[in-house]
Amino acid sequence: MRVIAGEAKGRRIVSQKRLGARPTTQRVRSSLFAILEATGLEGKNVVDLYAGIGTLGIEALSRGAIWADFVEASPKRCALLRQSLTTLGYSARSKVHCMKVERALQSLGKSYDLIFMDPPYTLGPVHHVLDKVGALAKEGALVAAGHSRRHPLEPRYNGLELIRERKYGDTVCSIYREGGDSW
């Protein structure tokens, strides 16, 4: 797995086989970031929920995000993510929170411009998380949620409104905006 664009373009993101994670594919990341870069990533604070090996948050840092928090429950994936952040030179601009997303939603207490979430498909629909994720969002923030086509999401969640949806095989990327239009 490699960074697609930005200052770390082409550099490896540390990974291992048999981690039980499904990293966001290059095709989906390319398309998602083409949409997001239209509004700019420079100076944005991002959080990568269900981070896995951190492909989305690392890509955002490479493209100009000022800060990224990563939330991942697996200690093995957290260790690999920390290793990637150190190798890529992003340790000072990021923090890995090794905990479940539901706990992080209560403890982060920060406002983000961009929220990524690409949970394992085995979790099924994550409506309960989307209902609460708006609490992390600044006015006008975007939430990019990856999910299986078999687990469709709602058009609205507690202050979030669906503004765009793209399908890539079984993967769907739904982009929500928190009330307002600063992006």
N, C-alpha and C. Protein backbone atom coordinates (compact mmCIF):
# COMPACT_ATOMS: atom_id res chain seq x y z
N MET A 1 0.85 -1.17 0.00
CA MET A 1 0.00 0.00 0.00
C MET A 1 0.90 1.24 0.00
N ARG A 2 0.62 2.18 -0.89
CA ARG A 2 1.43 3.38 -1.03
C ARG A 2 0.57 4.64 -0.98
N VAL A 3 1.20 5.75 -0.60
CA VAL A 3 0.54 7.05 -0.61
C VAL A 3 0.39 7.46 -2.07
N ILE A 4 -0.78 7.96 -2.44
CA ILE A 4 -1.09 8.26 -3.84
C ILE A 4 -0.53 9.60 -4.30
N ALA A 5 -0.66 10.65 -3.46
CA ALA A 5 -0.27 12.00 -3.90
C ALA A 5 0.22 12.82 -2.72
N GLY A 6 0.74 14.01 -3.04
CA GLY A 6 1.20 14.92 -2.00
C GLY A 6 2.67 14.73 -1.70
N GLU A 7 3.11 15.27 -0.56
CA GLU A 7 4.52 15.26 -0.21
C GLU A 7 5.09 13.85 0.01
N ALA A 8 4.26 12.89 0.36
CA ALA A 8 4.73 11.52 0.59
C ALA A 8 4.38 10.58 -0.57
N LYS A 9 4.04 11.15 -1.71
CA LYS A 9 3.62 10.35 -2.87
C LYS A 9 4.59 9.21 -3.15
N GLY A 10 4.03 8.00 -3.31
CA GLY A 10 4.80 6.82 -3.66
C GLY A 10 5.45 6.10 -2.49
N ARG A 11 5.41 6.71 -1.30
CA ARG A 11 6.04 6.07 -0.14
C ARG A 11 5.11 5.01 0.44
N ARG A 12 5.73 3.97 1.02
CA ARG A 12 4.97 2.84 1.55
C ARG A 12 4.32 3.14 2.89
N ILE A 13 3.10 2.61 3.05
CA ILE A 13 2.41 2.58 4.34
C ILE A 13 2.63 1.18 4.87
N VAL A 14 3.15 1.07 6.08
CA VAL A 14 3.49 -0.23 6.66
C VAL A 14 2.23 -1.08 6.82
N SER A 15 2.30 -2.32 6.38
CA SER A 15 1.15 -3.23 6.46
C SER A 15 1.67 -4.65 6.67
N GLN A 16 0.77 -5.53 7.02
CA GLN A 16 1.06 -6.96 7.13
C GLN A 16 -0.15 -7.73 6.63
N LYS A 17 0.12 -8.88 6.07
CA LYS A 17 -0.99 -9.75 5.70
C LYS A 17 -1.60 -10.33 6.96
N ARG A 18 -2.81 -10.76 6.86
CA ARG A 18 -3.55 -11.42 7.95
C ARG A 18 -3.78 -10.53 9.16
N LEU A 19 -4.04 -9.26 8.92
CA LEU A 19 -4.40 -8.37 10.02
C LEU A 19 -5.90 -8.31 10.22
N GLY A 20 -6.62 -8.92 9.31
CA GLY A 20 -8.08 -8.89 9.40
C GLY A 20 -8.67 -7.56 8.97
N ALA A 21 -7.88 -6.73 8.31
CA ALA A 21 -8.35 -5.42 7.87
C ALA A 21 -8.50 -5.43 6.35
N ARG A 22 -9.39 -4.58 5.87
CA ARG A 22 -9.60 -4.39 4.45
C ARG A 22 -9.23 -2.94 4.15
N PRO A 23 -7.96 -2.69 3.77
CA PRO A 23 -7.57 -1.30 3.51
C PRO A 23 -8.38 -0.70 2.37
N THR A 24 -8.61 0.59 2.46
CA THR A 24 -9.31 1.31 1.39
C THR A 24 -8.46 1.22 0.13
N THR A 25 -9.04 0.77 -0.96
CA THR A 25 -8.28 0.56 -2.19
C THR A 25 -7.79 1.87 -2.79
N GLN A 26 -6.77 1.77 -3.62
CA GLN A 26 -6.22 2.95 -4.28
C GLN A 26 -7.27 3.63 -5.15
N ARG A 27 -8.09 2.85 -5.82
CA ARG A 27 -9.13 3.42 -6.68
C ARG A 27 -10.12 4.26 -5.89
N VAL A 28 -10.56 3.75 -4.75
CA VAL A 28 -11.51 4.48 -3.92
C VAL A 28 -10.84 5.71 -3.31
N ARG A 29 -9.60 5.56 -2.82
CA ARG A 29 -8.89 6.71 -2.26
C ARG A 29 -8.68 7.80 -3.31
N SER A 30 -8.28 7.42 -4.51
CA SER A 30 -8.06 8.40 -5.58
C SER A 30 -9.32 9.18 -5.87
N SER A 31 -10.42 8.50 -6.00
CA SER A 31 -11.69 9.15 -6.29
C SER A 31 -12.14 10.04 -5.14
N LEU A 32 -12.06 9.52 -3.92
CA LEU A 32 -12.47 10.29 -2.74
C LEU A 32 -11.65 11.58 -2.63
N PHE A 33 -10.34 11.48 -2.76
CA PHE A 33 -9.50 12.66 -2.60
C PHE A 33 -9.63 13.63 -3.77
N ALA A 34 -10.01 13.15 -4.95
CA ALA A 34 -10.29 14.07 -6.05
C ALA A 34 -11.49 14.95 -5.69
N ILE A 35 -12.47 14.37 -5.04
CA ILE A 35 -13.65 15.13 -4.59
C ILE A 35 -13.24 16.11 -3.49
N LEU A 36 -12.48 15.63 -2.50
CA LEU A 36 -12.12 16.45 -1.34
C LEU A 36 -11.14 17.57 -1.68
N GLU A 37 -10.24 17.33 -2.63
CA GLU A 37 -9.25 18.35 -2.96
C GLU A 37 -9.85 19.54 -3.68
N ALA A 38 -11.04 19.39 -4.22
CA ALA A 38 -11.70 20.52 -4.87
C ALA A 38 -11.93 21.65 -3.86
N THR A 39 -12.01 21.29 -2.58
CA THR A 39 -12.23 22.29 -1.53
C THR A 39 -10.96 22.55 -0.73
N GLY A 40 -9.92 21.79 -0.96
CA GLY A 40 -8.64 21.98 -0.29
C GLY A 40 -8.53 21.23 1.02
N LEU A 41 -7.38 20.66 1.27
CA LEU A 41 -7.10 19.95 2.52
C LEU A 41 -6.11 20.71 3.40
N GLU A 42 -5.47 21.74 2.85
CA GLU A 42 -4.46 22.49 3.59
C GLU A 42 -5.05 23.08 4.86
N GLY A 43 -4.34 22.85 5.97
CA GLY A 43 -4.74 23.43 7.24
C GLY A 43 -5.92 22.77 7.92
N LYS A 44 -6.40 21.67 7.39
CA LYS A 44 -7.57 20.98 7.97
C LYS A 44 -7.15 20.01 9.06
N ASN A 45 -8.02 19.85 10.04
CA ASN A 45 -7.88 18.83 11.08
C ASN A 45 -8.76 17.66 10.69
N VAL A 46 -8.18 16.46 10.68
CA VAL A 46 -8.94 15.27 10.27
C VAL A 46 -8.87 14.19 11.35
N VAL A 47 -9.88 13.34 11.32
CA VAL A 47 -9.88 12.15 12.17
C VAL A 47 -10.22 10.96 11.27
N ASP A 48 -9.48 9.89 11.46
CA ASP A 48 -9.67 8.66 10.69
C ASP A 48 -10.19 7.60 11.66
N LEU A 49 -11.51 7.38 11.64
CA LEU A 49 -12.14 6.38 12.51
C LEU A 49 -12.06 5.02 11.84
N TYR A 50 -11.90 3.96 12.61
CA TYR A 50 -11.66 2.60 12.07
C TYR A 50 -10.44 2.68 11.16
N ALA A 51 -9.37 3.27 11.64
CA ALA A 51 -8.22 3.65 10.81
C ALA A 51 -7.49 2.47 10.16
N GLY A 52 -7.49 1.31 10.80
CA GLY A 52 -6.72 0.20 10.23
C GLY A 52 -5.25 0.58 10.18
N ILE A 53 -4.66 0.57 8.98
CA ILE A 53 -3.26 0.98 8.84
C ILE A 53 -3.13 2.47 8.50
N GLY A 54 -4.23 3.19 8.49
CA GLY A 54 -4.21 4.64 8.38
C GLY A 54 -4.15 5.23 6.99
N THR A 55 -4.55 4.48 5.98
CA THR A 55 -4.40 4.96 4.61
C THR A 55 -5.11 6.30 4.35
N LEU A 56 -6.30 6.50 4.88
CA LEU A 56 -7.03 7.74 4.61
C LEU A 56 -6.42 8.93 5.33
N GLY A 57 -6.13 8.79 6.61
CA GLY A 57 -5.54 9.88 7.36
C GLY A 57 -4.15 10.24 6.87
N ILE A 58 -3.35 9.24 6.53
CA ILE A 58 -2.00 9.49 6.01
C ILE A 58 -2.08 10.20 4.67
N GLU A 59 -3.01 9.79 3.83
CA GLU A 59 -3.19 10.46 2.53
C GLU A 59 -3.56 11.93 2.74
N ALA A 60 -4.43 12.20 3.72
CA ALA A 60 -4.81 13.58 4.02
C ALA A 60 -3.61 14.39 4.51
N LEU A 61 -2.77 13.82 5.38
CA LEU A 61 -1.57 14.51 5.84
C LEU A 61 -0.63 14.81 4.67
N SER A 62 -0.46 13.84 3.79
CA SER A 62 0.41 14.02 2.64
C SER A 62 -0.08 15.15 1.74
N ARG A 63 -1.39 15.35 1.72
CA ARG A 63 -1.98 16.37 0.83
C ARG A 63 -2.23 17.70 1.53
N GLY A 64 -1.69 17.88 2.74
CA GLY A 64 -1.74 19.19 3.36
C GLY A 64 -2.53 19.34 4.64
N ALA A 65 -3.19 18.29 5.11
CA ALA A 65 -3.90 18.41 6.39
C ALA A 65 -2.87 18.74 7.48
N ILE A 66 -3.26 19.58 8.41
CA ILE A 66 -2.33 20.02 9.45
C ILE A 66 -2.23 19.03 10.60
N TRP A 67 -3.31 18.28 10.86
CA TRP A 67 -3.35 17.35 11.99
C TRP A 67 -4.26 16.18 11.65
N ALA A 68 -3.89 14.99 12.16
CA ALA A 68 -4.76 13.81 11.99
C ALA A 68 -4.75 12.99 13.27
N ASP A 69 -5.94 12.67 13.75
CA ASP A 69 -6.11 11.69 14.82
C ASP A 69 -6.56 10.40 14.15
N PHE A 70 -6.02 9.28 14.63
CA PHE A 70 -6.36 7.96 14.10
C PHE A 70 -6.97 7.16 15.23
N VAL A 71 -8.11 6.53 14.98
CA VAL A 71 -8.77 5.69 15.99
C VAL A 71 -8.84 4.27 15.45
N GLU A 72 -8.21 3.36 16.19
CA GLU A 72 -8.16 1.95 15.78
C GLU A 72 -8.16 1.09 17.04
N ALA A 73 -8.96 0.04 17.04
CA ALA A 73 -9.10 -0.82 18.23
C ALA A 73 -8.01 -1.88 18.33
N SER A 74 -7.42 -2.30 17.23
CA SER A 74 -6.43 -3.39 17.24
C SER A 74 -5.04 -2.88 17.64
N PRO A 75 -4.48 -3.40 18.72
CA PRO A 75 -3.12 -2.99 19.11
C PRO A 75 -2.07 -3.26 18.03
N LYS A 76 -2.21 -4.35 17.29
CA LYS A 76 -1.25 -4.66 16.21
C LYS A 76 -1.32 -3.61 15.11
N ARG A 77 -2.54 -3.24 14.71
CA ARG A 77 -2.68 -2.22 13.67
C ARG A 77 -2.22 -0.86 14.18
N CYS A 78 -2.47 -0.58 15.46
CA CYS A 78 -2.00 0.69 16.05
C CYS A 78 -0.47 0.78 15.98
N ALA A 79 0.20 -0.32 16.28
CA ALA A 79 1.67 -0.35 16.24
C ALA A 79 2.17 -0.11 14.81
N LEU A 80 1.55 -0.76 13.83
CA LEU A 80 1.94 -0.56 12.43
C LEU A 80 1.68 0.87 12.00
N LEU A 81 0.57 1.43 12.42
CA LEU A 81 0.22 2.80 12.07
C LEU A 81 1.24 3.78 12.66
N ARG A 82 1.59 3.59 13.92
CA ARG A 82 2.62 4.46 14.54
C ARG A 82 3.94 4.36 13.78
N GLN A 83 4.28 3.15 13.36
CA GLN A 83 5.51 2.94 12.59
C GLN A 83 5.46 3.71 11.27
N SER A 84 4.33 3.64 10.57
CA SER A 84 4.18 4.38 9.31
C SER A 84 4.29 5.88 9.53
N LEU A 85 3.62 6.38 10.56
CA LEU A 85 3.64 7.82 10.84
C LEU A 85 5.07 8.30 11.14
N THR A 86 5.82 7.50 11.86
CA THR A 86 7.21 7.84 12.16
C THR A 86 8.06 7.81 10.89
N THR A 87 7.93 6.74 10.12
CA THR A 87 8.70 6.59 8.88
C THR A 87 8.41 7.72 7.90
N LEU A 88 7.15 8.13 7.80
CA LEU A 88 6.75 9.17 6.86
C LEU A 88 6.98 10.58 7.40
N GLY A 89 7.36 10.69 8.68
CA GLY A 89 7.63 12.01 9.27
C GLY A 89 6.39 12.73 9.75
N TYR A 90 5.32 12.00 10.06
CA TYR A 90 4.06 12.63 10.49
C TYR A 90 3.76 12.46 11.98
N SER A 91 4.71 11.97 12.76
CA SER A 91 4.46 11.74 14.19
C SER A 91 4.09 13.01 14.93
N ALA A 92 4.70 14.13 14.57
CA ALA A 92 4.44 15.39 15.27
C ALA A 92 3.11 16.01 14.87
N ARG A 93 2.51 15.52 13.79
CA ARG A 93 1.23 16.07 13.29
C ARG A 93 0.09 15.08 13.43
N SER A 94 0.25 14.10 14.33
CA SER A 94 -0.79 13.08 14.44
C SER A 94 -0.75 12.40 15.80
N LYS A 95 -1.83 11.69 16.09
CA LYS A 95 -1.88 10.87 17.30
C LYS A 95 -2.73 9.64 17.01
N VAL A 96 -2.27 8.49 17.49
CA VAL A 96 -3.00 7.23 17.34
C VAL A 96 -3.71 6.95 18.66
N HIS A 97 -5.02 6.77 18.59
CA HIS A 97 -5.83 6.43 19.76
C HIS A 97 -6.21 4.96 19.61
N CYS A 98 -5.62 4.10 20.42
CA CYS A 98 -5.88 2.67 20.32
C CYS A 98 -7.08 2.34 21.20
N MET A 99 -8.27 2.48 20.62
CA MET A 99 -9.52 2.26 21.35
C MET A 99 -10.65 2.06 20.34
N LYS A 100 -11.78 1.60 20.84
CA LYS A 100 -12.96 1.44 19.98
C LYS A 100 -13.50 2.81 19.60
N VAL A 101 -14.07 2.88 18.42
CA VAL A 101 -14.61 4.15 17.91
C VAL A 101 -15.68 4.70 18.84
N GLU A 102 -16.54 3.85 19.36
CA GLU A 102 -17.62 4.32 20.24
C GLU A 102 -17.06 5.06 21.46
N ARG A 103 -15.95 4.57 21.99
CA ARG A 103 -15.31 5.24 23.14
C ARG A 103 -14.67 6.56 22.69
N ALA A 104 -14.03 6.54 21.54
CA ALA A 104 -13.38 7.74 21.02
C ALA A 104 -14.38 8.87 20.77
N LEU A 105 -15.58 8.52 20.34
CA LEU A 105 -16.61 9.53 20.10
C LEU A 105 -16.93 10.32 21.37
N GLN A 106 -16.76 9.68 22.51
CA GLN A 106 -17.02 10.33 23.79
C GLN A 106 -15.80 11.05 24.34
N SER A 107 -14.59 10.61 23.95
CA SER A 107 -13.40 11.15 24.59
C SER A 107 -12.57 12.12 23.75
N LEU A 108 -12.72 12.14 22.43
CA LEU A 108 -11.86 13.01 21.63
C LEU A 108 -12.09 14.48 21.94
N GLY A 109 -13.34 14.91 22.01
CA GLY A 109 -13.65 16.27 22.39
C GLY A 109 -13.03 17.33 21.51
N LYS A 110 -12.78 17.04 20.26
CA LYS A 110 -12.16 17.97 19.34
C LYS A 110 -13.10 18.22 18.17
N SER A 111 -12.92 19.31 17.50
CA SER A 111 -13.72 19.58 16.31
C SER A 111 -12.87 19.37 15.07
N TYR A 112 -13.39 18.63 14.13
CA TYR A 112 -12.66 18.28 12.91
C TYR A 112 -13.32 18.87 11.68
N ASP A 113 -12.48 19.17 10.69
CA ASP A 113 -12.95 19.66 9.40
C ASP A 113 -13.35 18.50 8.49
N LEU A 114 -12.73 17.35 8.72
CA LEU A 114 -12.94 16.18 7.87
C LEU A 114 -12.87 14.92 8.71
N ILE A 115 -13.89 14.08 8.57
CA ILE A 115 -13.97 12.83 9.33
C ILE A 115 -14.06 11.68 8.33
N PHE A 116 -13.09 10.77 8.44
CA PHE A 116 -13.11 9.56 7.62
C PHE A 116 -13.60 8.42 8.48
N MET A 117 -14.39 7.54 7.89
CA MET A 117 -14.74 6.29 8.57
C MET A 117 -14.96 5.22 7.52
N ASP A 118 -14.17 4.17 7.63
CA ASP A 118 -14.27 3.03 6.72
C ASP A 118 -14.25 1.76 7.57
N PRO A 119 -15.37 1.51 8.26
CA PRO A 119 -15.41 0.37 9.18
C PRO A 119 -15.39 -0.97 8.45
N PRO A 120 -15.00 -2.01 9.17
CA PRO A 120 -15.06 -3.35 8.56
C PRO A 120 -16.49 -3.68 8.14
N TYR A 121 -16.64 -4.27 6.99
CA TYR A 121 -17.98 -4.62 6.50
C TYR A 121 -18.67 -5.61 7.43
N THR A 122 -17.90 -6.37 8.19
CA THR A 122 -18.49 -7.35 9.11
C THR A 122 -19.29 -6.68 10.23
N LEU A 123 -19.07 -5.39 10.46
CA LEU A 123 -19.86 -4.66 11.48
C LEU A 123 -21.29 -4.42 11.01
N GLY A 124 -21.51 -4.52 9.70
CA GLY A 124 -22.83 -4.22 9.17
C GLY A 124 -23.06 -2.72 9.16
N PRO A 125 -24.31 -2.29 9.08
CA PRO A 125 -24.59 -0.85 9.05
C PRO A 125 -24.11 -0.19 10.35
N VAL A 126 -23.56 0.99 10.23
CA VAL A 126 -23.02 1.70 11.40
C VAL A 126 -23.85 2.96 11.68
N HIS A 127 -25.15 2.80 11.61
CA HIS A 127 -26.05 3.94 11.84
C HIS A 127 -25.81 4.57 13.21
N HIS A 128 -25.57 3.75 14.24
CA HIS A 128 -25.37 4.26 15.59
C HIS A 128 -24.13 5.15 15.69
N VAL A 129 -23.11 4.87 14.89
CA VAL A 129 -21.90 5.70 14.89
C VAL A 129 -22.17 7.00 14.14
N LEU A 130 -22.81 6.92 12.98
CA LEU A 130 -23.11 8.12 12.22
C LEU A 130 -24.04 9.07 12.98
N ASP A 131 -24.91 8.53 13.81
CA ASP A 131 -25.77 9.38 14.64
C ASP A 131 -24.96 10.22 15.62
N LYS A 132 -23.77 9.73 16.02
CA LYS A 132 -22.96 10.41 17.04
C LYS A 132 -21.75 11.15 16.47
N VAL A 133 -21.35 10.82 15.26
CA VAL A 133 -20.11 11.37 14.71
C VAL A 133 -20.20 12.87 14.47
N GLY A 134 -21.37 13.40 14.31
CA GLY A 134 -21.54 14.85 14.12
C GLY A 134 -21.01 15.65 15.29
N ALA A 135 -20.94 15.04 16.47
CA ALA A 135 -20.41 15.73 17.65
C ALA A 135 -18.93 16.08 17.49
N LEU A 136 -18.22 15.42 16.58
CA LEU A 136 -16.81 15.69 16.34
C LEU A 136 -16.60 16.73 15.24
N ALA A 137 -17.67 17.08 14.54
CA ALA A 137 -17.56 17.88 13.33
C ALA A 137 -17.74 19.38 13.59
N LYS A 138 -16.85 20.17 12.98
CA LYS A 138 -17.04 21.62 12.97
C LYS A 138 -18.20 21.93 12.03
N GLU A 139 -18.74 23.10 12.13
CA GLU A 139 -19.79 23.53 11.21
C GLU A 139 -19.27 23.44 9.78
N GLY A 140 -20.01 22.79 8.92
CA GLY A 140 -19.63 22.64 7.52
C GLY A 140 -18.65 21.51 7.24
N ALA A 141 -18.27 20.76 8.26
CA ALA A 141 -17.32 19.65 8.08
C ALA A 141 -17.89 18.57 7.16
N LEU A 142 -16.99 17.80 6.58
CA LEU A 142 -17.40 16.67 5.75
C LEU A 142 -17.11 15.37 6.47
N VAL A 143 -17.99 14.39 6.27
CA VAL A 143 -17.82 13.05 6.79
C VAL A 143 -17.83 12.12 5.59
N ALA A 144 -16.74 11.40 5.38
CA ALA A 144 -16.64 10.44 4.27
C ALA A 144 -16.75 9.04 4.87
N ALA A 145 -17.83 8.35 4.55
CA ALA A 145 -18.10 7.03 5.12
C ALA A 145 -18.06 5.97 4.03
N GLY A 146 -17.16 5.01 4.18
CA GLY A 146 -17.11 3.88 3.26
C GLY A 146 -17.95 2.75 3.83
N HIS A 147 -18.66 2.06 2.97
CA HIS A 147 -19.51 0.95 3.42
C HIS A 147 -19.83 0.02 2.27
N SER A 148 -20.33 -1.14 2.62
CA SER A 148 -20.72 -2.12 1.62
C SER A 148 -22.04 -1.71 0.97
N ARG A 149 -22.17 -2.04 -0.27
CA ARG A 149 -23.42 -1.80 -1.00
C ARG A 149 -24.59 -2.53 -0.31
N ARG A 150 -24.27 -3.63 0.38
CA ARG A 150 -25.30 -4.41 1.09
C ARG A 150 -25.77 -3.75 2.38
N HIS A 151 -25.08 -2.68 2.80
CA HIS A 151 -25.43 -1.96 4.03
C HIS A 151 -25.65 -0.48 3.72
N PRO A 152 -26.74 -0.15 3.03
CA PRO A 152 -26.97 1.25 2.65
C PRO A 152 -27.13 2.15 3.88
N LEU A 153 -26.71 3.39 3.72
CA LEU A 153 -26.82 4.37 4.79
C LEU A 153 -28.01 5.30 4.52
N GLU A 154 -28.40 6.01 5.55
CA GLU A 154 -29.54 6.95 5.46
C GLU A 154 -29.07 8.26 4.84
N PRO A 155 -30.01 9.05 4.30
CA PRO A 155 -29.63 10.35 3.73
C PRO A 155 -29.32 11.41 4.80
N ARG A 156 -29.75 11.19 6.04
CA ARG A 156 -29.50 12.15 7.12
C ARG A 156 -29.21 11.43 8.43
N TYR A 157 -28.29 12.02 9.20
CA TYR A 157 -27.96 11.54 10.54
C TYR A 157 -27.70 12.75 11.44
N ASN A 158 -28.53 13.01 12.38
CA ASN A 158 -28.30 13.97 13.45
C ASN A 158 -27.38 15.14 13.05
N GLY A 159 -27.82 15.97 12.13
CA GLY A 159 -27.04 17.12 11.70
C GLY A 159 -26.19 16.90 10.47
N LEU A 160 -26.09 15.66 10.00
CA LEU A 160 -25.33 15.35 8.79
C LEU A 160 -26.29 15.11 7.64
N GLU A 161 -25.95 15.66 6.48
CA GLU A 161 -26.78 15.44 5.30
C GLU A 161 -25.94 14.90 4.16
N LEU A 162 -26.44 13.85 3.51
CA LEU A 162 -25.74 13.22 2.39
C LEU A 162 -25.67 14.21 1.23
N ILE A 163 -24.45 14.45 0.72
CA ILE A 163 -24.30 15.38 -0.40
C ILE A 163 -23.77 14.69 -1.66
N ARG A 164 -23.14 13.52 -1.50
CA ARG A 164 -22.61 12.82 -2.66
C ARG A 164 -22.40 11.35 -2.32
N GLU A 165 -22.60 10.50 -3.32
CA GLU A 165 -22.39 9.07 -3.12
C GLU A 165 -21.78 8.49 -4.39
N ARG A 166 -20.73 7.71 -4.24
CA ARG A 166 -20.07 7.05 -5.37
C ARG A 166 -19.96 5.57 -5.09
N LYS A 167 -20.15 4.75 -6.14
CA LYS A 167 -20.10 3.29 -5.99
C LYS A 167 -18.93 2.74 -6.79
N TYR A 168 -18.21 1.80 -6.16
CA TYR A 168 -17.05 1.13 -6.76
C TYR A 168 -17.17 -0.35 -6.46
N GLY A 169 -17.83 -1.10 -7.31
CA GLY A 169 -18.06 -2.52 -7.02
C GLY A 169 -18.94 -2.64 -5.79
N ASP A 170 -18.48 -3.38 -4.79
CA ASP A 170 -19.26 -3.54 -3.55
C ASP A 170 -19.08 -2.35 -2.60
N THR A 171 -18.09 -1.51 -2.84
CA THR A 171 -17.81 -0.39 -1.96
C THR A 171 -18.59 0.84 -2.37
N VAL A 172 -19.19 1.51 -1.38
CA VAL A 172 -19.88 2.77 -1.60
C VAL A 172 -19.21 3.80 -0.71
N CYS A 173 -18.96 4.97 -1.25
CA CYS A 173 -18.42 6.08 -0.46
C CYS A 173 -19.50 7.14 -0.38
N SER A 174 -20.01 7.37 0.83
CA SER A 174 -21.05 8.37 1.06
C SER A 174 -20.42 9.56 1.76
N ILE A 175 -20.63 10.74 1.20
CA ILE A 175 -20.06 11.96 1.79
C ILE A 175 -21.20 12.80 2.34
N TYR A 176 -21.06 13.14 3.62
CA TYR A 176 -22.05 13.93 4.34
C TYR A 176 -21.44 15.28 4.71
N ARG A 177 -22.29 16.29 4.84
CA ARG A 177 -21.88 17.60 5.31
C ARG A 177 -22.62 17.92 6.60
N GLU A 178 -21.88 18.43 7.57
CA GLU A 178 -22.49 18.87 8.81
C GLU A 178 -23.11 20.24 8.53
N GLY A 179 -24.32 20.49 9.06
CA GLY A 179 -25.07 21.73 8.81
C GLY A 179 -24.22 22.96 8.58
N GLY A 180 -24.31 23.56 7.43
CA GLY A 180 -23.50 24.72 7.06
C GLY A 180 -22.79 24.44 5.75
N ASP A 181 -22.15 25.45 5.22
CA ASP A 181 -21.49 25.25 3.93
C ASP A 181 -20.13 25.93 3.83
N SER A 182 -19.30 25.77 4.85
CA SER A 182 -17.98 26.38 4.84
C SER A 182 -17.00 25.65 3.93
N TRP A 183 -17.29 24.42 3.51
CA TRP A 183 -16.41 23.73 2.56
C TRP A 183 -16.85 24.17 1.21
